[in-house]
Amino acid sequence: MPDSMALTESTYYILLSLLSPQHGYGIMQKTEEMSGGRVRLAAGTLYGALNALSDKGWILPLPVEDGSRRKEYALTEKGRGVLIKEIARLRELADNGARALKEEVQWKIEE
């Protein structure tokens, strides 16, 4: 998937949750919280996505402390750029929708 394609909602929230480094469970919690409970990531889905995002260079696994099993991840500059582009794309979609609805309502009022 090129960097300019639309992100899935899960990918969007994973990247957004990694604006500060997080471990897997933290990503799951933050994603659910930010989405108002709409997006719930199962462990298998999350770790598959983390591997794919890491392969793309959008996130980076951080070094694991000795004796710890908790792996943390951080957003890379490339990942931040992808997230910024996606936010701009979503804003454009919302603005176009609002403008179209406003024009439709105005047109119906003028009839």
PDB file of N, CA and C in Angstrom:
ATOM      1  N   MET A   1       0.845  -1.180   0.000  1.00  0.00           N
ATOM      2  CA  MET A   1       0.000   0.000   0.000  1.00  0.00           C
ATOM      3  C   MET A   1       0.888   1.240   0.000  1.00  0.00           C
ATOM      4  N   PRO A   2       0.713   2.116  -0.987  1.00  0.00           N
ATOM      5  CA  PRO A   2       1.509   3.345  -1.001  1.00  0.00           C
ATOM      6  C   PRO A   2       1.148   4.244   0.187  1.00  0.00           C
ATOM      7  N   ASP A   3       2.057   5.146   0.519  1.00  0.00           N
ATOM      8  CA  ASP A   3       1.837   6.034   1.662  1.00  0.00           C
ATOM      9  C   ASP A   3       0.655   6.973   1.463  1.00  0.00           C
ATOM     10  N   SER A   4       0.185   7.150   0.224  1.00  0.00           N
ATOM     11  CA  SER A   4      -0.873   8.120  -0.047  1.00  0.00           C
ATOM     12  C   SER A   4      -2.273   7.507  -0.023  1.00  0.00           C
ATOM     13  N   MET A   5      -2.405   6.203   0.178  1.00  0.00           N
ATOM     14  CA  MET A   5      -3.724   5.578   0.203  1.00  0.00           C
ATOM     15  C   MET A   5      -4.420   5.839   1.530  1.00  0.00           C
ATOM     16  N   ALA A   6      -5.751   5.734   1.492  1.00  0.00           N
ATOM     17  CA  ALA A   6      -6.541   5.901   2.707  1.00  0.00           C
ATOM     18  C   ALA A   6      -6.187   4.801   3.701  1.00  0.00           C
ATOM     19  N   LEU A   7      -6.114   5.169   4.957  1.00  0.00           N
ATOM     20  CA  LEU A   7      -5.821   4.202   6.010  1.00  0.00           C
ATOM     21  C   LEU A   7      -7.105   3.548   6.485  1.00  0.00           C
ATOM     22  N   THR A   8      -6.998   2.321   6.960  1.00  0.00           N
ATOM     23  CA  THR A   8      -8.136   1.723   7.632  1.00  0.00           C
ATOM     24  C   THR A   8      -8.298   2.446   8.968  1.00  0.00           C
ATOM     25  N   GLU A   9      -9.473   2.340   9.547  1.00  0.00           N
ATOM     26  CA  GLU A   9      -9.715   2.998  10.823  1.00  0.00           C
ATOM     27  C   GLU A   9      -8.787   2.440  11.905  1.00  0.00           C
ATOM     28  N   SER A  10      -8.568   1.136  11.870  1.00  0.00           N
ATOM     29  CA  SER A  10      -7.667   0.526  12.855  1.00  0.00           C
ATOM     30  C   SER A  10      -6.248   1.068  12.715  1.00  0.00           C
ATOM     31  N   THR A  11      -5.753   1.118  11.500  1.00  0.00           N
ATOM     32  CA  THR A  11      -4.401   1.628  11.265  1.00  0.00           C
ATOM     33  C   THR A  11      -4.297   3.086  11.695  1.00  0.00           C
ATOM     34  N   TYR A  12      -5.300   3.867  11.361  1.00  0.00           N
ATOM     35  CA  TYR A  12      -5.322   5.277  11.756  1.00  0.00           C
ATOM     36  C   TYR A  12      -5.196   5.412  13.275  1.00  0.00           C
ATOM     37  N   TYR A  13      -5.992   4.656  14.013  1.00  0.00           N
ATOM     38  CA  TYR A  13      -5.958   4.761  15.471  1.00  0.00           C
ATOM     39  C   TYR A  13      -4.677   4.188  16.074  1.00  0.00           C
ATOM     40  N   ILE A  14      -4.114   3.163  15.456  1.00  0.00           N
ATOM     41  CA  ILE A  14      -2.833   2.640  15.941  1.00  0.00           C
ATOM     42  C   ILE A  14      -1.761   3.722  15.800  1.00  0.00           C
ATOM     43  N   LEU A  15      -1.678   4.334  14.624  1.00  0.00           N
ATOM     44  CA  LEU A  15      -0.684   5.396  14.425  1.00  0.00           C
ATOM     45  C   LEU A  15      -0.933   6.562  15.366  1.00  0.00           C
ATOM     46  N   LEU A  16      -2.187   6.950  15.528  1.00  0.00           N
ATOM     47  CA  LEU A  16      -2.523   8.060  16.411  1.00  0.00           C
ATOM     48  C   LEU A  16      -2.153   7.747  17.861  1.00  0.00           C
ATOM     49  N   SER A  17      -2.352   6.503  18.261  1.00  0.00           N
ATOM     50  CA  SER A  17      -2.020   6.122  19.636  1.00  0.00           C
ATOM     51  C   SER A  17      -0.513   6.114  19.877  1.00  0.00           C
ATOM     52  N   LEU A  18       0.264   6.053  18.810  1.00  0.00           N
ATOM     53  CA  LEU A  18       1.722   5.999  18.951  1.00  0.00           C
ATOM     54  C   LEU A  18       2.390   7.369  18.845  1.00  0.00           C
ATOM     55  N   LEU A  19       1.608   8.444  19.010  1.00  0.00           N
ATOM     56  CA  LEU A  19       2.233   9.765  19.094  1.00  0.00           C
ATOM     57  C   LEU A  19       3.157   9.827  20.297  1.00  0.00           C
ATOM     58  N   SER A  20       2.883   8.977  21.284  1.00  0.00           N
ATOM     59  CA  SER A  20       3.844   8.734  22.362  1.00  0.00           C
ATOM     60  C   SER A  20       4.027   7.223  22.438  1.00  0.00           C
ATOM     61  N   PRO A  21       5.244   6.740  22.703  1.00  0.00           N
ATOM     62  CA  PRO A  21       5.497   5.294  22.683  1.00  0.00           C
ATOM     63  C   PRO A  21       4.520   4.523  23.575  1.00  0.00           C
ATOM     64  N   GLN A  22       4.106   3.368  23.091  1.00  0.00           N
ATOM     65  CA  GLN A  22       3.139   2.527  23.792  1.00  0.00           C
ATOM     66  C   GLN A  22       3.513   1.064  23.605  1.00  0.00           C
ATOM     67  N   HIS A  23       3.100   0.248  24.550  1.00  0.00           N
ATOM     68  CA  HIS A  23       3.184  -1.200  24.386  1.00  0.00           C
ATOM     69  C   HIS A  23       1.851  -1.671  23.796  1.00  0.00           C
ATOM     70  N   GLY A  24       1.796  -2.912  23.376  1.00  0.00           N
ATOM     71  CA  GLY A  24       0.628  -3.437  22.686  1.00  0.00           C
ATOM     72  C   GLY A  24      -0.682  -3.229  23.417  1.00  0.00           C
ATOM     73  N   TYR A  25      -0.718  -3.564  24.702  1.00  0.00           N
ATOM     74  CA  TYR A  25      -1.955  -3.420  25.466  1.00  0.00           C
ATOM     75  C   TYR A  25      -2.363  -1.951  25.564  1.00  0.00           C
ATOM     76  N   GLY A  26      -1.378  -1.065  25.705  1.00  0.00           N
ATOM     77  CA  GLY A  26      -1.652   0.370  25.740  1.00  0.00           C
ATOM     78  C   GLY A  26      -2.250   0.861  24.438  1.00  0.00           C
ATOM     79  N   ILE A  27      -1.758   0.335  23.323  1.00  0.00           N
ATOM     80  CA  ILE A  27      -2.301   0.696  22.002  1.00  0.00           C
ATOM     81  C   ILE A  27      -3.757   0.247  21.912  1.00  0.00           C
ATOM     82  N   MET A  28      -4.029  -0.973  22.381  1.00  0.00           N
ATOM     83  CA  MET A  28      -5.395  -1.499  22.352  1.00  0.00           C
ATOM     84  C   MET A  28      -6.327  -0.607  23.175  1.00  0.00           C
ATOM     85  N   GLN A  29      -5.899  -0.228  24.357  1.00  0.00           N
ATOM     86  CA  GLN A  29      -6.723   0.610  25.236  1.00  0.00           C
ATOM     87  C   GLN A  29      -6.946   2.001  24.644  1.00  0.00           C
ATOM     88  N   LYS A  30      -5.879   2.596  24.157  1.00  0.00           N
ATOM     89  CA  LYS A  30      -5.961   3.958  23.614  1.00  0.00           C
ATOM     90  C   LYS A  30      -6.841   3.984  22.360  1.00  0.00           C
ATOM     91  N   THR A  31      -6.719   2.970  21.517  1.00  0.00           N
ATOM     92  CA  THR A  31      -7.535   2.884  20.310  1.00  0.00           C
ATOM     93  C   THR A  31      -9.015   2.793  20.671  1.00  0.00           C
ATOM     94  N   GLU A  32      -9.329   1.942  21.611  1.00  0.00           N
ATOM     95  CA  GLU A  32     -10.726   1.790  22.032  1.00  0.00           C
ATOM     96  C   GLU A  32     -11.241   3.095  22.647  1.00  0.00           C
ATOM     97  N   GLU A  33     -10.418   3.736  23.459  1.00  0.00           N
ATOM     98  CA  GLU A  33     -10.811   4.996  24.101  1.00  0.00           C
ATOM     99  C   GLU A  33     -11.050   6.095  23.068  1.00  0.00           C
ATOM    100  N   MET A  34     -10.088   6.280  22.147  1.00  0.00           N
ATOM    101  CA  MET A  34     -10.206   7.356  21.157  1.00  0.00           C
ATOM    102  C   MET A  34     -11.384   7.143  20.206  1.00  0.00           C
ATOM    103  N   SER A  35     -11.712   5.887  19.922  1.00  0.00           N
ATOM    104  CA  SER A  35     -12.803   5.594  18.987  1.00  0.00           C
ATOM    105  C   SER A  35     -14.156   5.493  19.684  1.00  0.00           C
ATOM    106  N   GLY A  36     -14.189   5.789  20.964  1.00  0.00           N
ATOM    107  CA  GLY A  36     -15.437   5.689  21.706  1.00  0.00           C
ATOM    108  C   GLY A  36     -15.938   4.260  21.807  1.00  0.00           C
ATOM    109  N   GLY A  37     -14.998   3.304  21.787  1.00  0.00           N
ATOM    110  CA  GLY A  37     -15.350   1.892  21.910  1.00  0.00           C
ATOM    111  C   GLY A  37     -15.706   1.226  20.592  1.00  0.00           C
ATOM    112  N   ARG A  38     -15.720   1.984  19.503  1.00  0.00           N
ATOM    113  CA  ARG A  38     -16.082   1.449  18.195  1.00  0.00           C
ATOM    114  C   ARG A  38     -15.012   0.522  17.615  1.00  0.00           C
ATOM    115  N   VAL A  39     -13.737   0.842  17.867  1.00  0.00           N
ATOM    116  CA  VAL A  39     -12.631   0.033  17.337  1.00  0.00           C
ATOM    117  C   VAL A  39     -11.996  -0.718  18.496  1.00  0.00           C
ATOM    118  N   ARG A  40     -12.144  -2.032  18.461  1.00  0.00           N
ATOM    119  CA  ARG A  40     -11.529  -2.900  19.469  1.00  0.00           C
ATOM    120  C   ARG A  40     -10.591  -3.849  18.750  1.00  0.00           C
ATOM    121  N   LEU A  41      -9.337  -3.790  19.107  1.00  0.00           N
ATOM    122  CA  LEU A  41      -8.326  -4.599  18.439  1.00  0.00           C
ATOM    123  C   LEU A  41      -8.071  -5.881  19.224  1.00  0.00           C
ATOM    124  N   ALA A  42      -8.211  -7.004  18.554  1.00  0.00           N
ATOM    125  CA  ALA A  42      -7.807  -8.281  19.149  1.00  0.00           C
ATOM    126  C   ALA A  42      -6.287  -8.354  19.077  1.00  0.00           C
ATOM    127  N   ALA A  43      -5.690  -9.108  19.979  1.00  0.00           N
ATOM    128  CA  ALA A  43      -4.228  -9.193  20.044  1.00  0.00           C
ATOM    129  C   ALA A  43      -3.628  -9.637  18.711  1.00  0.00           C
ATOM    130  N   GLY A  44      -4.185 -10.653  18.094  1.00  0.00           N
ATOM    131  CA  GLY A  44      -3.644 -11.138  16.825  1.00  0.00           C
ATOM    132  C   GLY A  44      -3.710 -10.090  15.730  1.00  0.00           C
ATOM    133  N   THR A  45      -4.819  -9.374  15.671  1.00  0.00           N
ATOM    134  CA  THR A  45      -4.986  -8.305  14.682  1.00  0.00           C
ATOM    135  C   THR A  45      -3.973  -7.193  14.935  1.00  0.00           C
ATOM    136  N   LEU A  46      -3.840  -6.810  16.196  1.00  0.00           N
ATOM    137  CA  LEU A  46      -2.921  -5.729  16.550  1.00  0.00           C
ATOM    138  C   LEU A  46      -1.487  -6.086  16.179  1.00  0.00           C
ATOM    139  N   TYR A  47      -1.037  -7.261  16.583  1.00  0.00           N
ATOM    140  CA  TYR A  47       0.366  -7.597  16.336  1.00  0.00           C
ATOM    141  C   TYR A  47       0.650  -7.834  14.857  1.00  0.00           C
ATOM    142  N   GLY A  48      -0.333  -8.298  14.102  1.00  0.00           N
ATOM    143  CA  GLY A  48      -0.184  -8.381  12.647  1.00  0.00           C
ATOM    144  C   GLY A  48      -0.029  -6.991  12.045  1.00  0.00           C
ATOM    145  N   ALA A  49      -0.863  -6.053  12.522  1.00  0.00           N
ATOM    146  CA  ALA A  49      -0.787  -4.672  12.034  1.00  0.00           C
ATOM    147  C   ALA A  49       0.533  -4.023  12.438  1.00  0.00           C
ATOM    148  N   LEU A  50       0.981  -4.261  13.664  1.00  0.00           N
ATOM    149  CA  LEU A  50       2.251  -3.676  14.115  1.00  0.00           C
ATOM    150  C   LEU A  50       3.418  -4.177  13.267  1.00  0.00           C
ATOM    151  N   ASN A  51       3.397  -5.456  12.925  1.00  0.00           N
ATOM    152  CA  ASN A  51       4.452  -5.992  12.057  1.00  0.00           C
ATOM    153  C   ASN A  51       4.414  -5.348  10.682  1.00  0.00           C
ATOM    154  N   ALA A  52       3.213  -5.191  10.124  1.00  0.00           N
ATOM    155  CA  ALA A  52       3.073  -4.578   8.795  1.00  0.00           C
ATOM    156  C   ALA A  52       3.514  -3.110   8.831  1.00  0.00           C
ATOM    157  N   LEU A  53       3.119  -2.382   9.859  1.00  0.00           N
ATOM    158  CA  LEU A  53       3.492  -0.969   9.969  1.00  0.00           C
ATOM    159  C   LEU A  53       4.992  -0.813  10.188  1.00  0.00           C
ATOM    160  N   SER A  54       5.573  -1.739  10.913  1.00  0.00           N
ATOM    161  CA  SER A  54       7.018  -1.733  11.116  1.00  0.00           C
ATOM    162  C   SER A  54       7.746  -2.008   9.799  1.00  0.00           C
ATOM    163  N   ASP A  55       7.227  -2.962   9.022  1.00  0.00           N
ATOM    164  CA  ASP A  55       7.823  -3.280   7.715  1.00  0.00           C
ATOM    165  C   ASP A  55       7.784  -2.079   6.770  1.00  0.00           C
ATOM    166  N   LYS A  56       6.744  -1.254   6.882  1.00  0.00           N
ATOM    167  CA  LYS A  56       6.615  -0.059   6.034  1.00  0.00           C
ATOM    168  C   LYS A  56       7.489   1.093   6.524  1.00  0.00           C
ATOM    169  N   GLY A  57       8.009   0.955   7.743  1.00  0.00           N
ATOM    170  CA  GLY A  57       8.822   2.022   8.309  1.00  0.00           C
ATOM    171  C   GLY A  57       7.999   3.115   8.965  1.00  0.00           C
ATOM    172  N   TRP A  58       6.716   2.856   9.230  1.00  0.00           N
ATOM    173  CA  TRP A  58       5.849   3.851   9.840  1.00  0.00           C
ATOM    174  C   TRP A  58       5.966   3.852  11.359  1.00  0.00           C
ATOM    175  N   ILE A  59       6.332   2.702  11.918  1.00  0.00           N
ATOM    176  CA  ILE A  59       6.560   2.593  13.364  1.00  0.00           C
ATOM    177  C   ILE A  59       7.865   1.848  13.577  1.00  0.00           C
ATOM    178  N   LEU A  60       8.338   1.922  14.812  1.00  0.00           N
ATOM    179  CA  LEU A  60       9.614   1.294  15.148  1.00  0.00           C
ATOM    180  C   LEU A  60       9.480   0.608  16.500  1.00  0.00           C
ATOM    181  N   PRO A  61       9.823  -0.697  16.572  1.00  0.00           N
ATOM    182  CA  PRO A  61       9.843  -1.327  17.896  1.00  0.00           C
ATOM    183  C   PRO A  61      11.028  -0.778  18.679  1.00  0.00           C
ATOM    184  N   LEU A  62      10.785  -0.419  19.920  1.00  0.00           N
ATOM    185  CA  LEU A  62      11.850   0.125  20.760  1.00  0.00           C
ATOM    186  C   LEU A  62      12.606  -1.021  21.427  1.00  0.00           C
ATOM    187  N   PRO A  63      13.849  -0.787  21.811  1.00  0.00           N
ATOM    188  CA  PRO A  63      14.611  -1.839  22.494  1.00  0.00           C
ATOM    189  C   PRO A  63      13.886  -2.291  23.766  1.00  0.00           C
ATOM    190  N   VAL A  64      13.913  -3.596  24.002  1.00  0.00           N
ATOM    191  CA  VAL A  64      13.252  -4.185  25.167  1.00  0.00           C
ATOM    192  C   VAL A  64      14.237  -4.179  26.326  1.00  0.00           C
ATOM    193  N   GLU A  65      13.752  -3.744  27.499  1.00  0.00           N
ATOM    194  CA  GLU A  65      14.600  -3.753  28.686  1.00  0.00           C
ATOM    195  C   GLU A  65      14.881  -5.196  29.106  1.00  0.00           C
ATOM    196  N   ASP A  66      16.036  -5.411  29.706  1.00  0.00           N
ATOM    197  CA  ASP A  66      16.395  -6.751  30.188  1.00  0.00           C
ATOM    198  C   ASP A  66      15.314  -7.277  31.125  1.00  0.00           C
ATOM    199  N   GLY A  67      14.892  -8.500  30.894  1.00  0.00           N
ATOM    200  CA  GLY A  67      13.913  -9.153  31.749  1.00  0.00           C
ATOM    201  C   GLY A  67      12.473  -8.757  31.473  1.00  0.00           C
ATOM    202  N   SER A  68      12.252  -7.798  30.587  1.00  0.00           N
ATOM    203  CA  SER A  68      10.893  -7.362  30.278  1.00  0.00           C
ATOM    204  C   SER A  68      10.381  -8.086  29.038  1.00  0.00           C
ATOM    205  N   ARG A  69       9.103  -8.400  29.044  1.00  0.00           N
ATOM    206  CA  ARG A  69       8.485  -9.008  27.862  1.00  0.00           C
ATOM    207  C   ARG A  69       7.647  -8.000  27.101  1.00  0.00           C
ATOM    208  N   ARG A  70       7.494  -6.793  27.665  1.00  0.00           N
ATOM    209  CA  ARG A  70       6.670  -5.768  27.039  1.00  0.00           C
ATOM    210  C   ARG A  70       7.460  -5.031  25.971  1.00  0.00           C
ATOM    211  N   LYS A  71       7.023  -5.184  24.755  1.00  0.00           N
ATOM    212  CA  LYS A  71       7.658  -4.500  23.645  1.00  0.00           C
ATOM    213  C   LYS A  71       6.903  -3.200  23.393  1.00  0.00           C
ATOM    214  N   GLU A  72       7.627  -2.097  23.325  1.00  0.00           N
ATOM    215  CA  GLU A  72       7.011  -0.807  23.034  1.00  0.00           C
ATOM    216  C   GLU A  72       7.307  -0.410  21.596  1.00  0.00           C
ATOM    217  N   TYR A  73       6.420   0.407  21.061  1.00  0.00           N
ATOM    218  CA  TYR A  73       6.530   0.878  19.690  1.00  0.00           C
ATOM    219  C   TYR A  73       6.440   2.388  19.677  1.00  0.00           C
ATOM    220  N   ALA A  74       7.082   2.997  18.670  1.00  0.00           N
ATOM    221  CA  ALA A  74       7.040   4.445  18.512  1.00  0.00           C
ATOM    222  C   ALA A  74       6.769   4.772  17.049  1.00  0.00           C
ATOM    223  N   LEU A  75       6.144   5.896  16.826  1.00  0.00           N
ATOM    224  CA  LEU A  75       5.877   6.395  15.483  1.00  0.00           C
ATOM    225  C   LEU A  75       7.176   6.954  14.897  1.00  0.00           C
ATOM    226  N   THR A  76       7.465   6.652  13.642  1.00  0.00           N
ATOM    227  CA  THR A  76       8.636   7.214  12.970  1.00  0.00           C
ATOM    228  C   THR A  76       8.225   8.525  12.292  1.00  0.00           C
ATOM    229  N   GLU A  77       9.187   9.263  11.780  1.00  0.00           N
ATOM    230  CA  GLU A  77       8.879  10.492  11.037  1.00  0.00           C
ATOM    231  C   GLU A  77       8.039  10.157   9.802  1.00  0.00           C
ATOM    232  N   LYS A  78       8.365   9.057   9.152  1.00  0.00           N
ATOM    233  CA  LYS A  78       7.580   8.630   7.987  1.00  0.00           C
ATOM    234  C   LYS A  78       6.135   8.343   8.408  1.00  0.00           C
ATOM    235  N   GLY A  79       5.965   7.659   9.516  1.00  0.00           N
ATOM    236  CA  GLY A  79       4.634   7.360  10.027  1.00  0.00           C
ATOM    237  C   GLY A  79       3.878   8.621  10.407  1.00  0.00           C
ATOM    238  N   ARG A  80       4.571   9.572  11.007  1.00  0.00           N
ATOM    239  CA  ARG A  80       3.953  10.861  11.360  1.00  0.00           C
ATOM    240  C   ARG A  80       3.472  11.568  10.089  1.00  0.00           C
ATOM    241  N   GLY A  81       4.282  11.514   9.038  1.00  0.00           N
ATOM    242  CA  GLY A  81       3.890  12.128   7.764  1.00  0.00           C
ATOM    243  C   GLY A  81       2.649  11.469   7.178  1.00  0.00           C
ATOM    244  N   VAL A  82       2.589  10.132   7.252  1.00  0.00           N
ATOM    245  CA  VAL A  82       1.416   9.396   6.774  1.00  0.00           C
ATOM    246  C   VAL A  82       0.185   9.807   7.577  1.00  0.00           C
ATOM    247  N   LEU A  83       0.329   9.917   8.882  1.00  0.00           N
ATOM    248  CA  LEU A  83      -0.776  10.306   9.753  1.00  0.00           C
ATOM    249  C   LEU A  83      -1.250  11.727   9.433  1.00  0.00           C
ATOM    250  N   ILE A  84      -0.340  12.644   9.234  1.00  0.00           N
ATOM    251  CA  ILE A  84      -0.690  14.034   8.898  1.00  0.00           C
ATOM    252  C   ILE A  84      -1.443  14.083   7.569  1.00  0.00           C
ATOM    253  N   LYS A  85      -0.973  13.327   6.573  1.00  0.00           N
ATOM    254  CA  LYS A  85      -1.665  13.284   5.275  1.00  0.00           C
ATOM    255  C   LYS A  85      -3.070  12.712   5.420  1.00  0.00           C
ATOM    256  N   GLU A  86      -3.210  11.693   6.260  1.00  0.00           N
ATOM    257  CA  GLU A  86      -4.528  11.083   6.457  1.00  0.00           C
ATOM    258  C   GLU A  86      -5.478  12.049   7.151  1.00  0.00           C
ATOM    259  N   ILE A  87      -4.991  12.787   8.134  1.00  0.00           N
ATOM    260  CA  ILE A  87      -5.833  13.772   8.813  1.00  0.00           C
ATOM    261  C   ILE A  87      -6.286  14.846   7.823  1.00  0.00           C
ATOM    262  N   ALA A  88      -5.391  15.291   6.953  1.00  0.00           N
ATOM    263  CA  ALA A  88      -5.749  16.285   5.929  1.00  0.00           C
ATOM    264  C   ALA A  88      -6.788  15.706   4.969  1.00  0.00           C
ATOM    265  N   ARG A  89      -6.639  14.438   4.588  1.00  0.00           N
ATOM    266  CA  ARG A  89      -7.594  13.782   3.685  1.00  0.00           C
ATOM    267  C   ARG A  89      -8.968  13.693   4.340  1.00  0.00           C
ATOM    268  N   LEU A  90      -8.988  13.291   5.601  1.00  0.00           N
ATOM    269  CA  LEU A  90     -10.259  13.176   6.325  1.00  0.00           C
ATOM    270  C   LEU A  90     -10.919  14.541   6.502  1.00  0.00           C
ATOM    271  N   ARG A  91     -10.123  15.555   6.774  1.00  0.00           N
ATOM    272  CA  ARG A  91     -10.659  16.919   6.914  1.00  0.00           C
ATOM    273  C   ARG A  91     -11.286  17.371   5.599  1.00  0.00           C
ATOM    274  N   GLU A  92     -10.611  17.089   4.481  1.00  0.00           N
ATOM    275  CA  GLU A  92     -11.153  17.455   3.170  1.00  0.00           C
ATOM    276  C   GLU A  92     -12.481  16.744   2.910  1.00  0.00           C
ATOM    277  N   LEU A  93     -12.542  15.448   3.258  1.00  0.00           N
ATOM    278  CA  LEU A  93     -13.796  14.712   3.088  1.00  0.00           C
ATOM    279  C   LEU A  93     -14.919  15.341   3.900  1.00  0.00           C
ATOM    280  N   ALA A  94     -14.644  15.641   5.151  1.00  0.00           N
ATOM    281  CA  ALA A  94     -15.661  16.227   6.027  1.00  0.00           C
ATOM    282  C   ALA A  94     -16.075  17.613   5.535  1.00  0.00           C
ATOM    283  N   ASP A  95     -15.112  18.434   5.135  1.00  0.00           N
ATOM    284  CA  ASP A  95     -15.421  19.774   4.639  1.00  0.00           C
ATOM    285  C   ASP A  95     -16.266  19.711   3.369  1.00  0.00           C
ATOM    286  N   ASN A  96     -15.916  18.815   2.446  1.00  0.00           N
ATOM    287  CA  ASN A  96     -16.687  18.677   1.206  1.00  0.00           C
ATOM    288  C   ASN A  96     -18.106  18.203   1.497  1.00  0.00           C
ATOM    289  N   GLY A  97     -18.241  17.266   2.429  1.00  0.00           N
ATOM    290  CA  GLY A  97     -19.569  16.785   2.801  1.00  0.00           C
ATOM    291  C   GLY A  97     -20.406  17.883   3.426  1.00  0.00           C
ATOM    292  N   ALA A  98     -19.819  18.637   4.337  1.00  0.00           N
ATOM    293  CA  ALA A  98     -20.544  19.732   4.984  1.00  0.00           C
ATOM    294  C   ALA A  98     -20.956  20.793   3.972  1.00  0.00           C
ATOM    295  N   ARG A  99     -20.057  21.115   3.049  1.00  0.00           N
ATOM    296  CA  ARG A  99     -20.353  22.112   2.021  1.00  0.00           C
ATOM    297  C   ARG A  99     -21.486  21.632   1.117  1.00  0.00           C
ATOM    298  N   ALA A 100     -21.430  20.363   0.717  1.00  0.00           N
ATOM    299  CA  ALA A 100     -22.474  19.811  -0.151  1.00  0.00           C
ATOM    300  C   ALA A 100     -23.825  19.801   0.557  1.00  0.00           C
ATOM    301  N   LEU A 101     -23.843  19.432   1.817  1.00  0.00           N
ATOM    302  CA  LEU A 101     -25.101  19.430   2.571  1.00  0.00           C
ATOM    303  C   LEU A 101     -25.646  20.846   2.737  1.00  0.00           C
ATOM    304  N   LYS A 102     -24.772  21.793   3.003  1.00  0.00           N
ATOM    305  CA  LYS A 102     -25.194  23.184   3.163  1.00  0.00           C
ATOM    306  C   LYS A 102     -25.789  23.704   1.859  1.00  0.00           C
ATOM    307  N   GLU A 103     -25.139  23.390   0.729  1.00  0.00           N
ATOM    308  CA  GLU A 103     -25.653  23.821  -0.572  1.00  0.00           C
ATOM    309  C   GLU A 103     -27.002  23.168  -0.861  1.00  0.00           C
ATOM    310  N   GLU A 104     -27.151  21.899  -0.503  1.00  0.00           N
ATOM    311  CA  GLU A 104     -28.418  21.204  -0.730  1.00  0.00           C
ATOM    312  C   GLU A 104     -29.524  21.830   0.108  1.00  0.00           C
ATOM    313  N   VAL A 105     -29.239  22.108   1.352  1.00  0.00           N
ATOM    314  CA  VAL A 105     -30.248  22.708   2.238  1.00  0.00           C
ATOM    315  C   VAL A 105     -30.624  24.092   1.720  1.00  0.00           C
ATOM    316  N   GLN A 106     -29.638  24.879   1.330  1.00  0.00           N
ATOM    317  CA  GLN A 106     -29.887  26.219   0.808  1.00  0.00           C
ATOM    318  C   GLN A 106     -30.721  26.140  -0.473  1.00  0.00           C
ATOM    319  N   TRP A 107     -30.420  25.194  -1.329  1.00  0.00           N
ATOM    320  CA  TRP A 107     -31.149  25.029  -2.588  1.00  0.00           C
ATOM    321  C   TRP A 107     -32.606  24.698  -2.297  1.00  0.00           C
ATOM    322  N   LYS A 108     -32.859  23.824  -1.321  1.00  0.00           N
ATOM    323  CA  LYS A 108     -34.228  23.435  -0.981  1.00  0.00           C
ATOM    324  C   LYS A 108     -34.983  24.596  -0.352  1.00  0.00           C
ATOM    325  N   ILE A 109     -34.300  25.438   0.415  1.00  0.00           N
ATOM    326  CA  ILE A 109     -34.951  26.592   1.039  1.00  0.00           C
ATOM    327  C   ILE A 109     -35.364  27.589  -0.040  1.00  0.00           C
ATOM    328  N   GLU A 110     -34.545  27.742  -1.066  1.00  0.00           N
ATOM    329  CA  GLU A 110     -34.815  28.719  -2.135  1.00  0.00           C
ATOM    330  C   GLU A 110     -35.928  28.257  -3.078  1.00  0.00           C
ATOM    331  N   GLU A 111     -36.268  26.982  -3.060  1.00  0.00           N
ATOM    332  CA  GLU A 111     -37.314  26.468  -3.972  1.00  0.00           C
ATOM    333  C   GLU A 111     -38.656  27.055  -3.696  1.00  0.00           C
TER     334      GLU A 111
END
